[in-house]
Amino acid sequence: MYGATKIFNLLYHMTILVCRTAILTVCIWLASSLHHAALAQLEFKKYWVGFTDKNGSPYNLSAPEDFLSEKALERRATYGIALQANDLPVAPGYINTVRNAGATVLYASKWMNGVVVQVSDSATLLAIQELPFVHKTTAVAKKTGRIGGGNAPLPPAIQLKTTDATDATDATDSAYYGTAYHQIAMLNGQYLHQLGLKGKGMTVAILDAGFSGVNTNPVFARHFANGQILGTRDFVDFDSNVYEHSSHGANVFSIMGGNDPEIYVGAAPEAE
């Protein structure tokens, strides 16, 4: 009887041990599966990473020429714009730390004090979130491809409409501005042009979805001929070709800088 009890207890403890081992194995497997699932199912790939400060920056407001162009400094002096802490570049050490955490740093914003990064998994994002100088992360892009695909048909860069010249109060202005006359006259822009204020010496940056047709449309030909296009950048495809995918930027550009007399002249045709 004693031997049977001993065997029973031995079997009981062995069963408990096997069950515990099985449960532990299942738990480990489940945790690993959930971890890998989390890594694989990271919905967003690009994130804004905001920093708490600019400590450790090698730049100083007493030496603005180290991080601002001569033109920027002249403009600030002309309009009495004081230098502020948000004019300082993002601390390089913070950027390098985020990069070393496994993220690809795409862009930095000194005014917003942070960077846009691309991450491949949630572990990298979590590591960034735990950095002491990071105060927030925000998803900014779910997909890396373009909606609708890059081969979708595009509308013309500018839709020129016929204008009834009899509606114009000044036949000369109407002829010069072409189809842009009414929008210029609505704001009395022709008065500024008569004073010689056509944007010369001013630099304009346009951030938009695309500038389809700008490089071939005669409305913008003078900008290329006169060197008024200072540079282009596609922040999605990481190249300089912005003349595709969307015409909205071209429309905005035309309102400001269109320069084809008697066809279309915008508000600041001589700006860069």
C-alpha atoms as a PDB file:
ATOM      1  CA  MET A   1       0.000   0.000   0.000  1.00  0.00           C
ATOM      2  CA  TYR A   2       2.851   2.299   0.903  1.00  0.00           C
ATOM      3  CA  GLY A   3       4.543   1.599  -2.444  1.00  0.00           C
ATOM      4  CA  ALA A   4       1.372   2.404  -4.383  1.00  0.00           C
ATOM      5  CA  THR A   5       0.978   5.729  -2.556  1.00  0.00           C
ATOM      6  CA  LYS A   6       4.576   6.624  -3.283  1.00  0.00           C
ATOM      7  CA  ILE A   7       4.148   5.855  -6.968  1.00  0.00           C
ATOM      8  CA  PHE A   8       0.911   7.868  -7.040  1.00  0.00           C
ATOM      9  CA  ASN A   9       2.595  10.919  -5.471  1.00  0.00           C
ATOM     10  CA  LEU A  10       5.505  10.632  -7.880  1.00  0.00           C
ATOM     11  CA  LEU A  11       3.153  10.517 -10.858  1.00  0.00           C
ATOM     12  CA  TYR A  12       1.168  13.438  -9.442  1.00  0.00           C
ATOM     13  CA  HIS A  13       4.210  15.657  -9.083  1.00  0.00           C
ATOM     14  CA  MET A  14       5.479  14.650 -12.508  1.00  0.00           C
ATOM     15  CA  THR A  15       2.119  15.564 -13.996  1.00  0.00           C
ATOM     16  CA  ILE A  16       2.175  18.962 -12.266  1.00  0.00           C
ATOM     17  CA  LEU A  17       5.712  19.573 -13.530  1.00  0.00           C
ATOM     18  CA  VAL A  18       4.770  18.635 -17.094  1.00  0.00           C
ATOM     19  CA  CYS A  19       1.705  20.891 -16.964  1.00  0.00           C
ATOM     20  CA  ARG A  20       3.710  23.813 -15.627  1.00  0.00           C
ATOM     21  CA  THR A  21       6.337  23.314 -18.299  1.00  0.00           C
ATOM     22  CA  ALA A  22       3.656  23.153 -21.006  1.00  0.00           C
ATOM     23  CA  ILE A  23       1.954  26.300 -19.690  1.00  0.00           C
ATOM     24  CA  LEU A  24       5.274  28.136 -19.529  1.00  0.00           C
ATOM     25  CA  THR A  25       6.112  27.049 -23.068  1.00  0.00           C
ATOM     26  CA  VAL A  26       2.731  28.235 -24.328  1.00  0.00           C
ATOM     27  CA  CYS A  27       3.156  31.571 -22.547  1.00  0.00           C
ATOM     28  CA  ILE A  28       6.607  32.073 -24.033  1.00  0.00           C
ATOM     29  CA  TRP A  29       5.340  31.133 -27.487  1.00  0.00           C
ATOM     30  CA  LEU A  30       2.337  33.445 -27.141  1.00  0.00           C
ATOM     31  CA  ALA A  31       4.477  36.361 -25.953  1.00  0.00           C
ATOM     32  CA  SER A  32       6.908  35.811 -28.803  1.00  0.00           C
ATOM     33  CA  SER A  33       4.070  35.601 -31.312  1.00  0.00           C
ATOM     34  CA  LEU A  34       2.487  38.779 -30.012  1.00  0.00           C
ATOM     35  CA  HIS A  35       5.840  40.536 -30.104  1.00  0.00           C
ATOM     36  CA  HIS A  36       6.514  39.518 -33.690  1.00  0.00           C
ATOM     37  CA  ALA A  37       2.942  40.356 -34.642  1.00  0.00           C
ATOM     38  CA  ALA A  38       3.396  43.805 -33.167  1.00  0.00           C
ATOM     39  CA  LEU A  39       6.579  44.265 -35.132  1.00  0.00           C
ATOM     40  CA  ALA A  40       4.956  43.090 -38.336  1.00  0.00           C
ATOM     41  CA  GLN A  41       1.703  44.999 -37.876  1.00  0.00           C
ATOM     42  CA  LEU A  42       3.104  48.460 -37.185  1.00  0.00           C
ATOM     43  CA  GLU A  43       0.453  50.423 -39.029  1.00  0.00           C
ATOM     44  CA  PHE A  44       2.398  53.635 -39.486  1.00  0.00           C
ATOM     45  CA  LYS A  45       5.959  53.859 -40.790  1.00  0.00           C
ATOM     46  CA  LYS A  46       6.756  57.549 -40.422  1.00  0.00           C
ATOM     47  CA  TYR A  47       6.578  59.487 -37.172  1.00  0.00           C
ATOM     48  CA  TRP A  48       7.124  62.992 -35.930  1.00  0.00           C
ATOM     49  CA  VAL A  49       9.466  62.954 -32.926  1.00  0.00           C
ATOM     50  CA  GLY A  50       9.287  66.116 -30.819  1.00  0.00           C
ATOM     51  CA  PHE A  51      12.168  67.130 -28.566  1.00  0.00           C
ATOM     52  CA  THR A  52      11.976  68.843 -25.192  1.00  0.00           C
ATOM     53  CA  ASP A  53      14.821  71.334 -25.737  1.00  0.00           C
ATOM     54  CA  LYS A  54      17.936  72.167 -27.744  1.00  0.00           C
ATOM     55  CA  ASN A  55      20.501  71.449 -25.060  1.00  0.00           C
ATOM     56  CA  GLY A  56      23.965  70.607 -26.261  1.00  0.00           C
ATOM     57  CA  SER A  57      23.595  72.523 -29.518  1.00  0.00           C
ATOM     58  CA  PRO A  58      26.886  73.836 -30.931  1.00  0.00           C
ATOM     59  CA  TYR A  59      25.057  76.930 -32.204  1.00  0.00           C
ATOM     60  CA  ASN A  60      24.461  80.157 -30.340  1.00  0.00           C
ATOM     61  CA  LEU A  61      22.182  83.155 -30.894  1.00  0.00           C
ATOM     62  CA  SER A  62      25.206  85.417 -30.558  1.00  0.00           C
ATOM     63  CA  ALA A  63      26.614  83.929 -33.786  1.00  0.00           C
ATOM     64  CA  PRO A  64      23.589  83.658 -36.110  1.00  0.00           C
ATOM     65  CA  GLU A  65      25.795  83.665 -39.203  1.00  0.00           C
ATOM     66  CA  ASP A  66      26.648  80.060 -38.330  1.00  0.00           C
ATOM     67  CA  PHE A  67      23.105  78.865 -39.062  1.00  0.00           C
ATOM     68  CA  LEU A  68      21.312  81.621 -40.996  1.00  0.00           C
ATOM     69  CA  SER A  69      22.067  82.857 -44.497  1.00  0.00           C
ATOM     70  CA  GLU A  70      23.198  86.407 -45.185  1.00  0.00           C
ATOM     71  CA  LYS A  71      19.905  87.083 -46.934  1.00  0.00           C
ATOM     72  CA  ALA A  72      17.932  85.838 -43.937  1.00  0.00           C
ATOM     73  CA  LEU A  73      19.909  88.090 -41.608  1.00  0.00           C
ATOM     74  CA  GLU A  74      19.375  91.094 -43.882  1.00  0.00           C
ATOM     75  CA  ARG A  75      15.649  90.437 -44.006  1.00  0.00           C
ATOM     76  CA  ARG A  76      15.435  90.199 -40.234  1.00  0.00           C
ATOM     77  CA  ALA A  77      17.349  93.455 -39.846  1.00  0.00           C
ATOM     78  CA  THR A  78      15.082  95.196 -42.359  1.00  0.00           C
ATOM     79  CA  TYR A  79      11.871  94.135 -40.641  1.00  0.00           C
ATOM     80  CA  GLY A  80      13.150  94.187 -37.069  1.00  0.00           C
ATOM     81  CA  ILE A  81      12.717  90.460 -36.487  1.00  0.00           C
ATOM     82  CA  ALA A  82      14.622  89.397 -33.380  1.00  0.00           C
ATOM     83  CA  LEU A  83      16.414  86.076 -33.089  1.00  0.00           C
ATOM     84  CA  GLN A  84      14.754  83.496 -30.849  1.00  0.00           C
ATOM     85  CA  ALA A  85      15.602  80.067 -29.491  1.00  0.00           C
ATOM     86  CA  ASN A  86      13.448  78.376 -32.130  1.00  0.00           C
ATOM     87  CA  ASP A  87      15.797  79.805 -34.788  1.00  0.00           C
ATOM     88  CA  LEU A  88      18.555  77.522 -33.499  1.00  0.00           C
ATOM     89  CA  PRO A  89      18.986  74.254 -35.436  1.00  0.00           C
ATOM     90  CA  VAL A  90      17.869  71.012 -33.799  1.00  0.00           C
ATOM     91  CA  ALA A  91      20.571  69.648 -31.481  1.00  0.00           C
ATOM     92  CA  PRO A  92      22.759  67.326 -33.625  1.00  0.00           C
ATOM     93  CA  GLY A  93      23.321  65.025 -30.640  1.00  0.00           C
ATOM     94  CA  TYR A  94      19.587  64.369 -30.331  1.00  0.00           C
ATOM     95  CA  ILE A  95      19.330  63.584 -34.036  1.00  0.00           C
ATOM     96  CA  ASN A  96      22.260  61.150 -33.861  1.00  0.00           C
ATOM     97  CA  THR A  97      20.792  59.418 -30.814  1.00  0.00           C
ATOM     98  CA  VAL A  98      17.477  58.875 -32.580  1.00  0.00           C
ATOM     99  CA  ARG A  99      19.336  57.571 -35.610  1.00  0.00           C
ATOM    100  CA  ASN A 100      21.388  55.201 -33.449  1.00  0.00           C
ATOM    101  CA  ALA A 101      18.149  53.836 -31.982  1.00  0.00           C
ATOM    102  CA  GLY A 102      17.478  52.315 -35.406  1.00  0.00           C
ATOM    103  CA  ALA A 103      15.365  54.962 -37.107  1.00  0.00           C
ATOM    104  CA  THR A 104      15.972  56.613 -40.460  1.00  0.00           C
ATOM    105  CA  VAL A 105      15.920  60.373 -39.906  1.00  0.00           C
ATOM    106  CA  LEU A 106      14.209  62.007 -42.876  1.00  0.00           C
ATOM    107  CA  TYR A 107      13.952  65.678 -41.925  1.00  0.00           C
ATOM    108  CA  ALA A 108      14.508  68.048 -39.026  1.00  0.00           C
ATOM    109  CA  SER A 109      12.488  71.147 -38.130  1.00  0.00           C
ATOM    110  CA  LYS A 110      14.224  73.769 -36.009  1.00  0.00           C
ATOM    111  CA  TRP A 111      11.058  75.814 -35.439  1.00  0.00           C
ATOM    112  CA  MET A 112       9.080  72.785 -34.275  1.00  0.00           C
ATOM    113  CA  ASN A 113      12.187  71.255 -32.648  1.00  0.00           C
ATOM    114  CA  GLY A 114      12.026  67.685 -33.806  1.00  0.00           C
ATOM    115  CA  VAL A 115      12.526  65.231 -36.632  1.00  0.00           C
ATOM    116  CA  VAL A 116      10.479  63.064 -38.968  1.00  0.00           C
ATOM    117  CA  VAL A 117      11.686  59.477 -38.880  1.00  0.00           C
ATOM    118  CA  GLN A 118      10.901  56.202 -40.590  1.00  0.00           C
ATOM    119  CA  VAL A 119      10.855  53.080 -38.426  1.00  0.00           C
ATOM    120  CA  SER A 120      10.554  49.432 -39.385  1.00  0.00           C
ATOM    121  CA  ASP A 121       9.142  48.020 -36.149  1.00  0.00           C
ATOM    122  CA  SER A 122       7.500  48.930 -32.862  1.00  0.00           C
ATOM    123  CA  ALA A 123      10.631  48.122 -30.842  1.00  0.00           C
ATOM    124  CA  THR A 124      12.490  50.961 -32.538  1.00  0.00           C
ATOM    125  CA  LEU A 125       9.596  53.328 -31.932  1.00  0.00           C
ATOM    126  CA  LEU A 126       9.430  52.326 -28.277  1.00  0.00           C
ATOM    127  CA  ALA A 127      13.177  52.882 -27.880  1.00  0.00           C
ATOM    128  CA  ILE A 128      12.794  56.384 -29.291  1.00  0.00           C
ATOM    129  CA  GLN A 129       9.826  57.166 -27.057  1.00  0.00           C
ATOM    130  CA  GLU A 130      11.874  56.247 -23.997  1.00  0.00           C
ATOM    131  CA  LEU A 131      14.686  58.708 -24.786  1.00  0.00           C
ATOM    132  CA  PRO A 132      14.781  61.381 -22.052  1.00  0.00           C
ATOM    133  CA  PHE A 133      14.695  64.312 -24.483  1.00  0.00           C
ATOM    134  CA  VAL A 134      11.687  63.040 -26.484  1.00  0.00           C
ATOM    135  CA  HIS A 135       8.383  64.466 -25.312  1.00  0.00           C
ATOM    136  CA  LYS A 136       6.043  63.059 -27.990  1.00  0.00           C
ATOM    137  CA  THR A 137       5.788  60.919 -31.103  1.00  0.00           C
ATOM    138  CA  THR A 138       3.005  61.286 -33.645  1.00  0.00           C
ATOM    139  CA  ALA A 139       2.248  59.117 -36.674  1.00  0.00           C
ATOM    140  CA  VAL A 140       2.418  61.108 -39.895  1.00  0.00           C
ATOM    141  CA  ALA A 141       2.264  58.560 -42.711  1.00  0.00           C
ATOM    142  CA  LYS A 142       0.541  55.205 -43.004  1.00  0.00           C
ATOM    143  CA  LYS A 143       1.628  54.406 -46.549  1.00  0.00           C
ATOM    144  CA  THR A 144       4.833  55.030 -48.427  1.00  0.00           C
ATOM    145  CA  GLY A 145       3.237  54.761 -51.872  1.00  0.00           C
ATOM    146  CA  ARG A 146       1.065  57.336 -53.574  1.00  0.00           C
ATOM    147  CA  ILE A 147      -2.694  57.091 -53.372  1.00  0.00           C
ATOM    148  CA  GLY A 148      -4.021  55.912 -56.688  1.00  0.00           C
ATOM    149  CA  GLY A 149      -0.559  55.060 -58.008  1.00  0.00           C
ATOM    150  CA  GLY A 150       1.946  57.178 -59.865  1.00  0.00           C
ATOM    151  CA  ASN A 151       0.542  56.392 -63.318  1.00  0.00           C
ATOM    152  CA  ALA A 152      -2.902  57.897 -62.761  1.00  0.00           C
ATOM    153  CA  PRO A 153      -3.921  60.437 -65.433  1.00  0.00           C
ATOM    154  CA  LEU A 154      -3.177  64.011 -64.418  1.00  0.00           C
ATOM    155  CA  PRO A 155      -5.219  67.137 -65.101  1.00  0.00           C
ATOM    156  CA  PRO A 156      -3.564  70.006 -66.999  1.00  0.00           C
ATOM    157  CA  ALA A 157      -1.355  72.218 -64.868  1.00  0.00           C
ATOM    158  CA  ILE A 158      -3.471  75.296 -65.569  1.00  0.00           C
ATOM    159  CA  GLN A 159      -7.043  75.399 -66.812  1.00  0.00           C
ATOM    160  CA  LEU A 160      -7.248  78.603 -68.835  1.00  0.00           C
ATOM    161  CA  LYS A 161     -10.735  80.052 -69.089  1.00  0.00           C
ATOM    162  CA  THR A 162     -12.037  82.537 -71.604  1.00  0.00           C
ATOM    163  CA  THR A 163     -12.531  86.055 -70.313  1.00  0.00           C
ATOM    164  CA  ASP A 164     -15.050  88.584 -71.501  1.00  0.00           C
ATOM    165  CA  ALA A 165     -12.936  91.693 -72.035  1.00  0.00           C
ATOM    166  CA  THR A 166     -16.022  93.895 -71.794  1.00  0.00           C
ATOM    167  CA  ASP A 167     -16.162  93.090 -68.056  1.00  0.00           C
ATOM    168  CA  ALA A 168     -12.806  94.759 -67.495  1.00  0.00           C
ATOM    169  CA  THR A 169     -12.638  98.377 -66.408  1.00  0.00           C
ATOM    170  CA  ASP A 170      -9.259  98.866 -68.066  1.00  0.00           C
ATOM    171  CA  ALA A 171      -8.749  97.325 -71.487  1.00  0.00           C
ATOM    172  CA  THR A 172      -4.941  97.662 -71.224  1.00  0.00           C
ATOM    173  CA  ASP A 173      -4.831  95.799 -67.913  1.00  0.00           C
ATOM    174  CA  SER A 174      -7.189  93.185 -69.210  1.00  0.00           C
ATOM    175  CA  ALA A 175      -5.023  92.542 -72.242  1.00  0.00           C
ATOM    176  CA  TYR A 176      -1.798  92.387 -70.218  1.00  0.00           C
ATOM    177  CA  TYR A 177      -3.010  90.089 -67.450  1.00  0.00           C
ATOM    178  CA  GLY A 178      -5.015  87.834 -69.735  1.00  0.00           C
ATOM    179  CA  THR A 179      -7.226  85.375 -67.883  1.00  0.00           C
ATOM    180  CA  ALA A 180      -5.715  86.432 -64.542  1.00  0.00           C
ATOM    181  CA  TYR A 181      -7.057  89.984 -64.781  1.00  0.00           C
ATOM    182  CA  HIS A 182     -10.124  89.607 -62.572  1.00  0.00           C
ATOM    183  CA  GLN A 183      -8.254  88.000 -59.688  1.00  0.00           C
ATOM    184  CA  ILE A 184      -5.569  90.723 -59.894  1.00  0.00           C
ATOM    185  CA  ALA A 185      -8.127  93.525 -60.104  1.00  0.00           C
ATOM    186  CA  MET A 186     -10.125  92.069 -57.214  1.00  0.00           C
ATOM    187  CA  LEU A 187      -7.211  92.945 -54.901  1.00  0.00           C
ATOM    188  CA  ASN A 188      -6.092  96.009 -56.886  1.00  0.00           C
ATOM    189  CA  GLY A 189      -2.852  94.227 -57.670  1.00  0.00           C
ATOM    190  CA  GLN A 190      -2.373  96.184 -60.879  1.00  0.00           C
ATOM    191  CA  TYR A 191      -1.839  99.310 -58.736  1.00  0.00           C
ATOM    192  CA  LEU A 192       1.156  97.669 -57.037  1.00  0.00           C
ATOM    193  CA  HIS A 193       2.516  96.603 -60.410  1.00  0.00           C
ATOM    194  CA  GLN A 194       2.248 100.169 -61.679  1.00  0.00           C
ATOM    195  CA  LEU A 195       4.440 101.180 -58.730  1.00  0.00           C
ATOM    196  CA  GLY A 196       6.994  98.619 -59.860  1.00  0.00           C
ATOM    197  CA  LEU A 197       6.212  96.146 -57.071  1.00  0.00           C
ATOM    198  CA  LYS A 198       6.192  92.824 -58.885  1.00  0.00           C
ATOM    199  CA  GLY A 199       8.086  90.689 -56.382  1.00  0.00           C
ATOM    200  CA  LYS A 200      11.627  91.453 -57.510  1.00  0.00           C
ATOM    201  CA  GLY A 201      14.139  90.625 -54.780  1.00  0.00           C
ATOM    202  CA  MET A 202      11.654  88.463 -52.861  1.00  0.00           C
ATOM    203  CA  THR A 203      12.041  84.704 -52.402  1.00  0.00           C
ATOM    204  CA  VAL A 204       8.921  82.528 -52.194  1.00  0.00           C
ATOM    205  CA  ALA A 205       8.831  78.870 -51.153  1.00  0.00           C
ATOM    206  CA  ILE A 206       5.804  76.810 -52.183  1.00  0.00           C
ATOM    207  CA  LEU A 207       5.114  73.537 -50.369  1.00  0.00           C
ATOM    208  CA  ASP A 208       2.460  71.570 -52.215  1.00  0.00           C
ATOM    209  CA  ALA A 209       1.435  68.165 -53.531  1.00  0.00           C
ATOM    210  CA  GLY A 210       3.085  68.589 -56.940  1.00  0.00           C
ATOM    211  CA  PHE A 211       3.742  70.964 -59.825  1.00  0.00           C
ATOM    212  CA  SER A 212       2.605  69.023 -62.853  1.00  0.00           C
ATOM    213  CA  GLY A 213       3.475  70.722 -66.146  1.00  0.00           C
ATOM    214  CA  VAL A 214       5.364  73.693 -64.676  1.00  0.00           C
ATOM    215  CA  ASN A 215       8.516  72.718 -66.570  1.00  0.00           C
ATOM    216  CA  THR A 216       6.695  72.723 -69.919  1.00  0.00           C
ATOM    217  CA  ASN A 217       3.952  75.341 -69.536  1.00  0.00           C
ATOM    218  CA  PRO A 218       4.836  78.672 -71.261  1.00  0.00           C
ATOM    219  CA  VAL A 219       3.278  80.569 -68.341  1.00  0.00           C
ATOM    220  CA  PHE A 220       6.396  79.626 -66.330  1.00  0.00           C
ATOM    221  CA  ALA A 221       9.001  79.710 -69.136  1.00  0.00           C
ATOM    222  CA  ARG A 222      10.399  83.088 -68.033  1.00  0.00           C
ATOM    223  CA  HIS A 223      11.115  81.711 -64.565  1.00  0.00           C
ATOM    224  CA  PHE A 224      13.404  79.065 -65.995  1.00  0.00           C
ATOM    225  CA  ALA A 225      14.978  81.444 -68.527  1.00  0.00           C
ATOM    226  CA  ASN A 226      15.683  84.071 -65.862  1.00  0.00           C
ATOM    227  CA  GLY A 227      16.924  81.637 -63.220  1.00  0.00           C
ATOM    228  CA  GLN A 228      14.003  82.374 -60.893  1.00  0.00           C
ATOM    229  CA  ILE A 229      13.553  78.711 -59.961  1.00  0.00           C
ATOM    230  CA  LEU A 230      16.130  78.384 -57.185  1.00  0.00           C
ATOM    231  CA  GLY A 231      15.548  74.732 -56.372  1.00  0.00           C
ATOM    232  CA  THR A 232      13.040  71.895 -56.081  1.00  0.00           C
ATOM    233  CA  ARG A 233      12.638  68.946 -53.746  1.00  0.00           C
ATOM    234  CA  ASP A 234      10.240  65.992 -53.642  1.00  0.00           C
ATOM    235  CA  PHE A 235       9.982  65.096 -49.954  1.00  0.00           C
ATOM    236  CA  VAL A 236       8.128  61.858 -50.717  1.00  0.00           C
ATOM    237  CA  ASP A 237      10.317  60.318 -53.428  1.00  0.00           C
ATOM    238  CA  PHE A 238      13.502  62.059 -52.224  1.00  0.00           C
ATOM    239  CA  ASP A 239      14.467  63.597 -55.554  1.00  0.00           C
ATOM    240  CA  SER A 240      14.179  66.965 -57.316  1.00  0.00           C
ATOM    241  CA  ASN A 241      11.462  66.043 -59.824  1.00  0.00           C
ATOM    242  CA  VAL A 242       8.328  67.859 -58.636  1.00  0.00           C
ATOM    243  CA  TYR A 243       6.727  68.207 -62.067  1.00  0.00           C
ATOM    244  CA  GLU A 244       4.379  65.231 -61.747  1.00  0.00           C
ATOM    245  CA  HIS A 245       1.683  63.598 -59.611  1.00  0.00           C
ATOM    246  CA  SER A 246      -0.402  66.700 -58.823  1.00  0.00           C
ATOM    247  CA  SER A 247      -1.295  70.012 -60.457  1.00  0.00           C
ATOM    248  CA  HIS A 248      -2.327  71.859 -57.297  1.00  0.00           C
ATOM    249  CA  GLY A 249       1.105  73.366 -56.742  1.00  0.00           C
ATOM    250  CA  ALA A 250       1.184  74.547 -60.353  1.00  0.00           C
ATOM    251  CA  ASN A 251      -2.128  76.311 -59.857  1.00  0.00           C
ATOM    252  CA  VAL A 252      -0.861  78.016 -56.710  1.00  0.00           C
ATOM    253  CA  PHE A 253       2.388  78.947 -58.444  1.00  0.00           C
ATOM    254  CA  SER A 254       0.493  80.478 -61.357  1.00  0.00           C
ATOM    255  CA  ILE A 255      -1.539  82.744 -59.075  1.00  0.00           C
ATOM    256  CA  MET A 256       1.652  84.137 -57.597  1.00  0.00           C
ATOM    257  CA  GLY A 257       4.180  83.910 -60.396  1.00  0.00           C
ATOM    258  CA  GLY A 258       2.525  83.254 -63.740  1.00  0.00           C
ATOM    259  CA  ASN A 259       4.271  85.426 -66.351  1.00  0.00           C
ATOM    260  CA  ASP A 260       3.010  85.119 -69.894  1.00  0.00           C
ATOM    261  CA  PRO A 261       1.678  88.574 -70.887  1.00  0.00           C
ATOM    262  CA  GLU A 262      -1.763  88.614 -72.536  1.00  0.00           C
ATOM    263  CA  ILE A 263      -2.193  84.983 -71.498  1.00  0.00           C
ATOM    264  CA  TYR A 264      -1.724  84.873 -67.725  1.00  0.00           C
ATOM    265  CA  VAL A 265       0.215  87.169 -65.345  1.00  0.00           C
ATOM    266  CA  GLY A 266       0.152  86.555 -61.619  1.00  0.00           C
ATOM    267  CA  ALA A 267       0.626  88.783 -58.579  1.00  0.00           C
ATOM    268  CA  ALA A 268       4.424  88.507 -58.226  1.00  0.00           C
ATOM    269  CA  PRO A 269       5.858  87.498 -61.605  1.00  0.00           C
ATOM    270  CA  GLU A 270       9.390  88.742 -60.798  1.00  0.00           C
ATOM    271  CA  ALA A 271       9.807  86.916 -57.473  1.00  0.00           C
ATOM    272  CA  GLU A 272      12.180  83.990 -57.155  1.00  0.00           C
END
